[in-house]
Amino acid sequence: MARIVALDIGKKRTGVAATDPLRLIANGIGTVDTSALIGFLESYMAAEEVALLVVGYPLQTNGRPSEALRYINPVLRRIAARFPELPIEQFDERYTSTLAHRAMIDGGMRRMARRDKAMVDTISATIILQSFMDSRRYGELFP
């Protein structure tokens, strides 16, 4: 079965996560310079079959789109142009950084390790992907 890949796109870095082949669990892959994201996706998709790309969609607490879309939308347009056959879904990413920090604390990471922004981005992408998968499963179980 093809994987689902999630991106937490930032100005400088993008956190990346992917499902296992059975689409049961989200796993953090790491971070990529946002400027090198297309090349990374080309390499990844040459090695792995990808069925769907889930991109964190930043919303404000009031539900309106965030200012961050200024730099996210151009990246999405480049991805869509390069991979026209790849479905892309945007998924609410509110609070993922907070949840990532909480996961790091709960996991016993020391304060200095929690300052690693790349780790936060990877965990955020993983949370986005797992939340996306959970929301779909919930919809299947309780239509």
N, C-alpha and C. Protein backbone atom coordinates (compact mmCIF):
# COMPACT_ATOMS: atom_id res chain seq x y z
N MET A 1 0.85 -1.17 0.00
CA MET A 1 0.00 0.00 0.00
C MET A 1 0.90 1.24 0.00
N ALA A 2 0.51 2.25 -0.72
CA ALA A 2 1.31 3.47 -0.81
C ALA A 2 1.23 4.26 0.49
N ARG A 3 2.28 4.98 0.78
CA ARG A 3 2.38 5.76 2.01
C ARG A 3 1.64 7.10 1.88
N ILE A 4 1.38 7.70 3.02
CA ILE A 4 0.90 9.07 3.11
C ILE A 4 2.05 9.86 3.72
N VAL A 5 2.37 11.01 3.14
CA VAL A 5 3.45 11.86 3.62
C VAL A 5 2.84 13.17 4.12
N ALA A 6 3.36 13.66 5.24
CA ALA A 6 2.89 14.94 5.78
C ALA A 6 4.05 15.92 5.84
N LEU A 7 3.70 17.19 5.61
CA LEU A 7 4.68 18.27 5.65
C LEU A 7 4.21 19.36 6.62
N ASP A 8 5.15 19.85 7.42
CA ASP A 8 4.93 21.03 8.24
C ASP A 8 5.86 22.09 7.67
N ILE A 9 5.33 22.87 6.72
CA ILE A 9 6.16 23.80 5.95
C ILE A 9 6.43 25.07 6.76
N GLY A 10 7.70 25.42 6.84
CA GLY A 10 8.13 26.66 7.48
C GLY A 10 8.93 27.49 6.50
N LYS A 11 9.26 28.71 6.89
CA LYS A 11 10.04 29.59 6.00
C LYS A 11 11.38 28.97 5.65
N LYS A 12 12.07 28.43 6.65
CA LYS A 12 13.41 27.88 6.43
C LYS A 12 13.42 26.36 6.32
N ARG A 13 12.64 25.71 7.18
CA ARG A 13 12.67 24.25 7.30
C ARG A 13 11.28 23.68 7.14
N THR A 14 11.23 22.44 6.67
CA THR A 14 9.97 21.71 6.58
C THR A 14 10.12 20.39 7.31
N GLY A 15 9.23 20.15 8.26
CA GLY A 15 9.19 18.87 8.94
C GLY A 15 8.49 17.86 8.05
N VAL A 16 8.99 16.63 8.04
CA VAL A 16 8.44 15.59 7.17
C VAL A 16 8.15 14.35 8.00
N ALA A 17 6.98 13.76 7.75
CA ALA A 17 6.60 12.50 8.36
C ALA A 17 5.93 11.64 7.30
N ALA A 18 5.94 10.33 7.52
CA ALA A 18 5.31 9.41 6.57
C ALA A 18 4.71 8.24 7.35
N THR A 19 3.71 7.63 6.74
CA THR A 19 3.12 6.44 7.34
C THR A 19 4.00 5.24 7.04
N ASP A 20 3.75 4.18 7.78
CA ASP A 20 4.33 2.89 7.43
C ASP A 20 3.56 2.40 6.19
N PRO A 21 4.03 1.35 5.53
CA PRO A 21 3.33 0.89 4.31
C PRO A 21 1.87 0.50 4.53
N LEU A 22 1.50 0.08 5.72
CA LEU A 22 0.11 -0.29 5.99
C LEU A 22 -0.75 0.88 6.44
N ARG A 23 -0.13 2.05 6.55
CA ARG A 23 -0.82 3.28 6.96
C ARG A 23 -1.42 3.18 8.36
N LEU A 24 -0.68 2.57 9.26
CA LEU A 24 -1.16 2.43 10.64
C LEU A 24 -0.58 3.50 11.55
N ILE A 25 0.68 3.84 11.33
CA ILE A 25 1.41 4.72 12.24
C ILE A 25 2.14 5.80 11.46
N ALA A 26 2.16 7.00 12.02
CA ALA A 26 2.94 8.10 11.45
C ALA A 26 4.33 8.08 12.07
N ASN A 27 5.34 8.24 11.22
CA ASN A 27 6.74 8.24 11.68
C ASN A 27 7.43 9.50 11.19
N GLY A 28 8.14 10.17 12.07
CA GLY A 28 8.91 11.33 11.66
C GLY A 28 10.09 10.91 10.80
N ILE A 29 10.29 11.64 9.72
CA ILE A 29 11.43 11.35 8.83
C ILE A 29 12.57 12.31 9.13
N GLY A 30 12.23 13.58 9.39
CA GLY A 30 13.25 14.59 9.67
C GLY A 30 12.82 15.92 9.11
N THR A 31 13.80 16.77 8.90
CA THR A 31 13.51 18.08 8.31
C THR A 31 14.34 18.26 7.05
N VAL A 32 13.83 19.13 6.20
CA VAL A 32 14.47 19.46 4.93
C VAL A 32 14.42 20.98 4.80
N ASP A 33 15.48 21.56 4.25
CA ASP A 33 15.39 22.99 3.93
C ASP A 33 14.23 23.18 2.98
N THR A 34 13.38 24.14 3.27
CA THR A 34 12.20 24.36 2.43
C THR A 34 12.61 24.62 0.98
N SER A 35 13.74 25.27 0.77
CA SER A 35 14.20 25.53 -0.60
C SER A 35 14.58 24.25 -1.34
N ALA A 36 14.86 23.17 -0.60
CA ALA A 36 15.24 21.89 -1.22
C ALA A 36 14.11 20.86 -1.17
N LEU A 37 12.90 21.29 -0.82
CA LEU A 37 11.80 20.36 -0.61
C LEU A 37 11.41 19.58 -1.87
N ILE A 38 11.35 20.24 -3.01
CA ILE A 38 10.97 19.56 -4.25
C ILE A 38 11.96 18.44 -4.56
N GLY A 39 13.23 18.71 -4.45
CA GLY A 39 14.25 17.68 -4.70
C GLY A 39 14.13 16.52 -3.72
N PHE A 40 13.86 16.83 -2.46
CA PHE A 40 13.66 15.77 -1.47
C PHE A 40 12.46 14.91 -1.85
N LEU A 41 11.35 15.54 -2.22
CA LEU A 41 10.15 14.78 -2.59
C LEU A 41 10.40 13.92 -3.83
N GLU A 42 11.14 14.45 -4.79
CA GLU A 42 11.48 13.66 -5.98
C GLU A 42 12.24 12.40 -5.58
N SER A 43 13.24 12.55 -4.73
CA SER A 43 14.03 11.40 -4.28
C SER A 43 13.19 10.43 -3.47
N TYR A 44 12.40 10.96 -2.56
CA TYR A 44 11.60 10.10 -1.71
C TYR A 44 10.59 9.30 -2.53
N MET A 45 9.93 9.98 -3.47
CA MET A 45 8.90 9.32 -4.27
C MET A 45 9.50 8.38 -5.32
N ALA A 46 10.77 8.53 -5.62
CA ALA A 46 11.44 7.56 -6.49
C ALA A 46 11.68 6.25 -5.73
N ALA A 47 11.83 6.36 -4.41
CA ALA A 47 12.10 5.17 -3.59
C ALA A 47 10.85 4.57 -2.97
N GLU A 48 9.85 5.40 -2.71
CA GLU A 48 8.63 4.97 -2.03
C GLU A 48 7.41 5.40 -2.82
N GLU A 49 6.39 4.57 -2.82
CA GLU A 49 5.13 4.95 -3.46
C GLU A 49 4.35 5.81 -2.48
N VAL A 50 3.91 6.97 -2.95
CA VAL A 50 3.18 7.92 -2.11
C VAL A 50 1.79 8.14 -2.71
N ALA A 51 0.76 7.92 -1.90
CA ALA A 51 -0.62 8.05 -2.36
C ALA A 51 -1.19 9.43 -2.11
N LEU A 52 -0.68 10.12 -1.09
CA LEU A 52 -1.29 11.38 -0.67
C LEU A 52 -0.26 12.21 0.08
N LEU A 53 -0.33 13.52 -0.11
CA LEU A 53 0.49 14.47 0.62
C LEU A 53 -0.44 15.30 1.50
N VAL A 54 -0.17 15.29 2.80
CA VAL A 54 -0.95 16.08 3.75
C VAL A 54 -0.07 17.24 4.20
N VAL A 55 -0.59 18.45 4.07
CA VAL A 55 0.19 19.64 4.40
C VAL A 55 -0.51 20.37 5.54
N GLY A 56 0.28 20.70 6.55
CA GLY A 56 -0.27 21.47 7.67
C GLY A 56 -0.78 22.81 7.18
N TYR A 57 -2.02 23.10 7.52
CA TYR A 57 -2.68 24.35 7.11
C TYR A 57 -2.82 25.22 8.35
N PRO A 58 -2.07 26.31 8.42
CA PRO A 58 -2.07 27.11 9.63
C PRO A 58 -3.30 28.01 9.74
N LEU A 59 -4.06 27.79 10.79
CA LEU A 59 -5.22 28.61 11.08
C LEU A 59 -5.00 29.35 12.39
N GLN A 60 -5.61 30.50 12.50
CA GLN A 60 -5.58 31.23 13.76
C GLN A 60 -6.60 30.60 14.70
N THR A 61 -6.59 30.99 15.96
CA THR A 61 -7.52 30.41 16.92
C THR A 61 -8.97 30.70 16.56
N ASN A 62 -9.21 31.76 15.81
CA ASN A 62 -10.58 32.09 15.40
C ASN A 62 -11.00 31.33 14.13
N GLY A 63 -10.12 30.47 13.62
CA GLY A 63 -10.44 29.66 12.44
C GLY A 63 -10.09 30.31 11.11
N ARG A 64 -9.62 31.54 11.15
CA ARG A 64 -9.24 32.22 9.91
C ARG A 64 -7.81 31.81 9.51
N PRO A 65 -7.50 31.84 8.20
CA PRO A 65 -6.16 31.48 7.75
C PRO A 65 -5.09 32.37 8.38
N SER A 66 -3.95 31.77 8.66
CA SER A 66 -2.83 32.47 9.28
C SER A 66 -2.03 33.26 8.24
N GLU A 67 -1.27 34.19 8.74
CA GLU A 67 -0.36 34.98 7.90
C GLU A 67 0.72 34.10 7.27
N ALA A 68 0.99 32.95 7.86
CA ALA A 68 2.02 32.04 7.35
C ALA A 68 1.70 31.51 5.96
N LEU A 69 0.45 31.59 5.55
CA LEU A 69 0.09 31.11 4.21
C LEU A 69 0.81 31.88 3.11
N ARG A 70 1.32 33.07 3.43
CA ARG A 70 2.08 33.85 2.45
C ARG A 70 3.26 33.08 1.91
N TYR A 71 3.94 32.32 2.75
CA TYR A 71 5.09 31.55 2.27
C TYR A 71 4.75 30.08 2.04
N ILE A 72 3.65 29.60 2.58
CA ILE A 72 3.26 28.20 2.36
C ILE A 72 2.62 28.00 0.99
N ASN A 73 1.72 28.90 0.60
CA ASN A 73 1.01 28.73 -0.67
C ASN A 73 1.93 28.66 -1.89
N PRO A 74 2.99 29.49 -1.99
CA PRO A 74 3.89 29.35 -3.14
C PRO A 74 4.57 27.97 -3.18
N VAL A 75 4.92 27.43 -2.01
CA VAL A 75 5.53 26.10 -1.96
C VAL A 75 4.52 25.06 -2.44
N LEU A 76 3.28 25.18 -2.00
CA LEU A 76 2.23 24.24 -2.42
C LEU A 76 2.02 24.30 -3.93
N ARG A 77 2.05 25.50 -4.49
CA ARG A 77 1.88 25.63 -5.94
C ARG A 77 3.03 24.94 -6.70
N ARG A 78 4.26 25.08 -6.18
CA ARG A 78 5.40 24.41 -6.82
C ARG A 78 5.28 22.89 -6.72
N ILE A 79 4.84 22.40 -5.57
CA ILE A 79 4.66 20.96 -5.40
C ILE A 79 3.58 20.45 -6.36
N ALA A 80 2.46 21.15 -6.42
CA ALA A 80 1.36 20.74 -7.30
C ALA A 80 1.78 20.77 -8.77
N ALA A 81 2.59 21.75 -9.15
CA ALA A 81 3.06 21.83 -10.54
C ALA A 81 4.03 20.70 -10.86
N ARG A 82 4.88 20.34 -9.92
CA ARG A 82 5.88 19.29 -10.15
C ARG A 82 5.27 17.89 -10.09
N PHE A 83 4.25 17.72 -9.23
CA PHE A 83 3.62 16.41 -9.04
C PHE A 83 2.11 16.53 -9.26
N PRO A 84 1.68 16.78 -10.49
CA PRO A 84 0.26 17.03 -10.73
C PRO A 84 -0.65 15.84 -10.42
N GLU A 85 -0.09 14.62 -10.43
CA GLU A 85 -0.90 13.43 -10.16
C GLU A 85 -1.03 13.14 -8.66
N LEU A 86 -0.28 13.84 -7.82
CA LEU A 86 -0.27 13.58 -6.38
C LEU A 86 -1.35 14.40 -5.68
N PRO A 87 -2.34 13.73 -5.06
CA PRO A 87 -3.35 14.49 -4.32
C PRO A 87 -2.71 15.17 -3.10
N ILE A 88 -3.14 16.40 -2.85
CA ILE A 88 -2.65 17.17 -1.70
C ILE A 88 -3.85 17.59 -0.87
N GLU A 89 -3.77 17.30 0.42
CA GLU A 89 -4.82 17.74 1.34
C GLU A 89 -4.19 18.63 2.39
N GLN A 90 -4.90 19.70 2.70
CA GLN A 90 -4.45 20.58 3.78
C GLN A 90 -5.19 20.18 5.05
N PHE A 91 -4.46 20.18 6.18
CA PHE A 91 -5.04 19.74 7.44
C PHE A 91 -4.67 20.73 8.53
N ASP A 92 -5.64 21.08 9.34
CA ASP A 92 -5.48 22.06 10.42
C ASP A 92 -4.27 21.70 11.29
N GLU A 93 -3.33 22.62 11.39
CA GLU A 93 -2.13 22.37 12.18
C GLU A 93 -2.08 23.20 13.45
N ARG A 94 -3.21 23.80 13.84
CA ARG A 94 -3.20 24.58 15.07
C ARG A 94 -2.70 23.75 16.24
N TYR A 95 -1.87 24.35 17.03
CA TYR A 95 -1.36 23.77 18.29
C TYR A 95 -0.38 22.62 18.10
N THR A 96 0.04 22.31 16.89
CA THR A 96 0.96 21.17 16.74
C THR A 96 2.32 21.46 17.38
N SER A 97 2.79 22.70 17.31
CA SER A 97 4.08 23.01 17.94
C SER A 97 3.98 22.86 19.46
N THR A 98 2.85 23.29 20.02
CA THR A 98 2.63 23.14 21.45
C THR A 98 2.58 21.66 21.83
N LEU A 99 1.86 20.88 21.03
CA LEU A 99 1.79 19.44 21.28
C LEU A 99 3.16 18.78 21.12
N ALA A 100 3.95 19.26 20.17
CA ALA A 100 5.30 18.71 19.96
C ALA A 100 6.16 18.98 21.19
N HIS A 101 6.10 20.20 21.70
CA HIS A 101 6.87 20.52 22.91
C HIS A 101 6.40 19.66 24.09
N ARG A 102 5.11 19.48 24.21
CA ARG A 102 4.57 18.66 25.30
C ARG A 102 5.07 17.21 25.16
N ALA A 103 5.08 16.69 23.93
CA ALA A 103 5.57 15.33 23.71
C ALA A 103 7.04 15.21 24.08
N MET A 104 7.81 16.25 23.80
CA MET A 104 9.23 16.23 24.14
C MET A 104 9.43 16.23 25.66
N ILE A 105 8.64 17.03 26.35
CA ILE A 105 8.72 17.08 27.81
C ILE A 105 8.29 15.74 28.40
N ASP A 106 7.14 15.25 27.92
CA ASP A 106 6.63 13.97 28.42
C ASP A 106 7.59 12.82 28.12
N GLY A 107 8.33 12.94 27.03
CA GLY A 107 9.30 11.91 26.66
C GLY A 107 10.61 12.02 27.42
N GLY A 108 10.72 13.03 28.28
CA GLY A 108 11.91 13.18 29.13
C GLY A 108 13.07 13.89 28.48
N MET A 109 12.84 14.62 27.38
CA MET A 109 13.94 15.34 26.74
C MET A 109 14.39 16.50 27.63
N ARG A 110 15.68 16.70 27.69
CA ARG A 110 16.24 17.80 28.47
C ARG A 110 15.92 19.13 27.79
N ARG A 111 15.98 20.17 28.58
CA ARG A 111 15.63 21.51 28.11
C ARG A 111 16.43 21.92 26.87
N MET A 112 17.72 21.66 26.85
CA MET A 112 18.54 22.06 25.69
C MET A 112 18.12 21.28 24.44
N ALA A 113 17.79 20.02 24.58
CA ALA A 113 17.37 19.21 23.43
C ALA A 113 16.03 19.71 22.90
N ARG A 114 15.18 20.22 23.77
CA ARG A 114 13.86 20.72 23.34
C ARG A 114 13.96 22.01 22.55
N ARG A 115 15.12 22.64 22.58
CA ARG A 115 15.32 23.87 21.79
C ARG A 115 15.63 23.58 20.33
N ASP A 116 15.81 22.34 19.99
CA ASP A 116 16.12 21.92 18.62
C ASP A 116 14.88 22.11 17.75
N LYS A 117 14.86 23.19 16.98
CA LYS A 117 13.69 23.51 16.16
C LYS A 117 13.42 22.44 15.09
N ALA A 118 14.46 21.81 14.61
CA ALA A 118 14.28 20.75 13.61
C ALA A 118 13.51 19.58 14.23
N MET A 119 13.80 19.26 15.48
CA MET A 119 13.09 18.18 16.16
C MET A 119 11.62 18.56 16.34
N VAL A 120 11.38 19.80 16.71
CA VAL A 120 9.99 20.28 16.87
C VAL A 120 9.25 20.18 15.54
N ASP A 121 9.89 20.55 14.44
CA ASP A 121 9.25 20.49 13.12
C ASP A 121 8.94 19.05 12.71
N THR A 122 9.85 18.13 13.01
CA THR A 122 9.62 16.72 12.68
C THR A 122 8.46 16.16 13.50
N ILE A 123 8.45 16.46 14.79
CA ILE A 123 7.37 15.98 15.65
C ILE A 123 6.05 16.61 15.22
N SER A 124 6.06 17.89 14.86
CA SER A 124 4.84 18.56 14.39
C SER A 124 4.28 17.88 13.14
N ALA A 125 5.15 17.55 12.19
CA ALA A 125 4.69 16.86 10.98
C ALA A 125 4.10 15.50 11.34
N THR A 126 4.70 14.83 12.30
CA THR A 126 4.20 13.52 12.74
C THR A 126 2.82 13.67 13.38
N ILE A 127 2.65 14.70 14.19
CA ILE A 127 1.35 14.95 14.83
C ILE A 127 0.30 15.29 13.79
N ILE A 128 0.65 16.10 12.81
CA ILE A 128 -0.28 16.44 11.73
C ILE A 128 -0.74 15.16 11.02
N LEU A 129 0.22 14.30 10.69
CA LEU A 129 -0.11 13.08 9.96
C LEU A 129 -0.96 12.13 10.81
N GLN A 130 -0.56 11.92 12.06
CA GLN A 130 -1.33 11.00 12.90
C GLN A 130 -2.74 11.56 13.14
N SER A 131 -2.86 12.86 13.34
CA SER A 131 -4.19 13.48 13.53
C SER A 131 -5.05 13.33 12.28
N PHE A 132 -4.42 13.51 11.12
CA PHE A 132 -5.13 13.32 9.86
C PHE A 132 -5.65 11.89 9.74
N MET A 133 -4.79 10.92 10.01
CA MET A 133 -5.20 9.51 9.91
C MET A 133 -6.29 9.18 10.92
N ASP A 134 -6.14 9.69 12.14
CA ASP A 134 -7.15 9.43 13.18
C ASP A 134 -8.49 10.04 12.79
N SER A 135 -8.48 11.22 12.20
CA SER A 135 -9.74 11.87 11.81
C SER A 135 -10.44 11.07 10.71
N ARG A 136 -9.68 10.47 9.83
CA ARG A 136 -10.28 9.66 8.77
C ARG A 136 -10.84 8.35 9.33
N ARG A 137 -10.11 7.75 10.25
CA ARG A 137 -10.59 6.51 10.87
C ARG A 137 -11.86 6.76 11.67
N TYR A 138 -11.88 7.86 12.38
CA TYR A 138 -13.06 8.19 13.18
C TYR A 138 -14.27 8.35 12.26
N GLY A 139 -14.09 9.01 11.11
CA GLY A 139 -15.16 9.19 10.15
C GLY A 139 -15.65 7.88 9.57
N GLU A 140 -14.72 6.92 9.40
CA GLU A 140 -15.11 5.60 8.88
C GLU A 140 -15.90 4.81 9.92
N LEU A 141 -15.53 4.93 11.18
CA LEU A 141 -16.20 4.19 12.23
C LEU A 141 -17.55 4.78 12.61
N PHE A 142 -17.62 6.12 12.55
CA PHE A 142 -18.83 6.82 12.97
C PHE A 142 -19.28 7.81 11.89
N PRO A 143 -19.89 7.33 10.83
CA PRO A 143 -20.27 8.22 9.72
C PRO A 143 -21.32 9.25 10.11
